[in-house]
C-alpha cells in the first residue's frame, strides 16, 4: 500500500512530462497540436461585461 502512495503520483508525473515533451517535439516540427476543425476557446472571444 505504501508503494501505491509513491507509484501513482510518479506514474501521473511521467504521463504529464511525456505529454509536454511530445507536444514540444510536434511544435518544433511544425505540426498542429490540436484537432483540425475543433472549436477552441480563446480569451478574445469572451464577451466582456
C-alpha atoms as a PDB file:
ATOM      1  CA  UNK A   1       0.000   0.000   0.000  1.00  0.00           C
ATOM      2  CA  UNK A   2       2.836   2.339   0.758  1.00  0.00           C
ATOM      3  CA  UNK A   3       4.258   1.690  -2.694  1.00  0.00           C
ATOM      4  CA  UNK A   4       0.999   2.917  -4.268  1.00  0.00           C
ATOM      5  CA  UNK A   5       1.388   6.218  -2.423  1.00  0.00           C
ATOM      6  CA  UNK A   6       4.565   6.769  -4.439  1.00  0.00           C
ATOM      7  CA  UNK A   7       3.777   4.915  -7.666  1.00  0.00           C
ATOM      8  CA  UNK A   8       0.529   6.703  -8.501  1.00  0.00           C
ATOM      9  CA  UNK A   9       1.948  10.269  -8.350  1.00  0.00           C
ATOM     10  CA  UNK A  10       5.168   9.213 -10.088  1.00  0.00           C
ATOM     11  CA  UNK A  11       3.208   7.484 -12.855  1.00  0.00           C
ATOM     12  CA  UNK A  12       0.974  10.503 -13.297  1.00  0.00           C
ATOM     13  CA  UNK A  13       4.015  12.785 -13.379  1.00  0.00           C
ATOM     14  CA  UNK A  14       5.629  10.668 -16.085  1.00  0.00           C
ATOM     15  CA  UNK A  15       2.474  10.807 -18.211  1.00  0.00           C
ATOM     16  CA  UNK A  16       2.282  14.596 -17.889  1.00  0.00           C
ATOM     17  CA  UNK A  17       6.019  15.002 -18.564  1.00  0.00           C
ATOM     18  CA  UNK A  18       5.760  12.799 -21.667  1.00  0.00           C
ATOM     19  CA  UNK A  19       2.786  14.811 -22.904  1.00  0.00           C
ATOM     20  CA  UNK A  20       4.663  18.109 -22.629  1.00  0.00           C
ATOM     21  CA  UNK A  21       7.752  16.598 -24.229  1.00  0.00           C
ATOM     22  CA  UNK A  22       5.897  15.204 -27.249  1.00  0.00           C
ATOM     23  CA  UNK A  23       3.949  18.462 -27.629  1.00  0.00           C
ATOM     24  CA  UNK A  24       7.235  20.357 -27.788  1.00  0.00           C
ATOM     25  CA  UNK A  25       8.609  17.955 -30.380  1.00  0.00           C
ATOM     26  CA  UNK A  26       5.480  18.225 -32.515  1.00  0.00           C
ATOM     27  CA  UNK A  27       5.527  22.003 -32.301  1.00  0.00           C
ATOM     28  CA  UNK A  28       9.212  22.051 -33.313  1.00  0.00           C
ATOM     29  CA  UNK A  29       8.336  20.016 -36.422  1.00  0.00           C
ATOM     30  CA  UNK A  30       5.558  22.476 -37.257  1.00  0.00           C
ATOM     31  CA  UNK A  31       2.683  20.077 -36.626  1.00  0.00           C
ATOM     32  CA  UNK A  32      -0.619  21.230 -35.208  1.00  0.00           C
ATOM     33  CA  UNK A  33      -1.177  20.477 -31.538  1.00  0.00           C
ATOM     34  CA  UNK A  34      -4.946  20.379 -31.840  1.00  0.00           C
ATOM     35  CA  UNK A  35      -7.531  18.580 -33.909  1.00  0.00           C
ATOM     36  CA  UNK A  36      -8.311  20.496 -37.120  1.00  0.00           C
ATOM     37  CA  UNK A  37     -11.874  21.804 -37.107  1.00  0.00           C
ATOM     38  CA  UNK A  38     -12.200  21.619 -33.336  1.00  0.00           C
ATOM     39  CA  UNK A  39     -13.669  24.631 -31.604  1.00  0.00           C
ATOM     40  CA  UNK A  40     -11.143  26.182 -29.287  1.00  0.00           C
ATOM     41  CA  UNK A  41     -11.652  28.688 -26.513  1.00  0.00           C
ATOM     42  CA  UNK A  42      -9.812  31.956 -26.940  1.00  0.00           C
ATOM     43  CA  UNK A  43      -9.636  34.791 -24.444  1.00  0.00           C
ATOM     44  CA  UNK A  44     -10.625  37.352 -27.101  1.00  0.00           C
ATOM     45  CA  UNK A  45     -13.857  35.523 -27.893  1.00  0.00           C
ATOM     46  CA  UNK A  46     -15.267  36.017 -24.374  1.00  0.00           C
ATOM     47  CA  UNK A  47     -17.861  38.732 -24.076  1.00  0.00           C
ATOM     48  CA  UNK A  48     -16.839  41.365 -21.567  1.00  0.00           C
ATOM     49  CA  UNK A  49     -19.452  42.725 -19.207  1.00  0.00           C
END
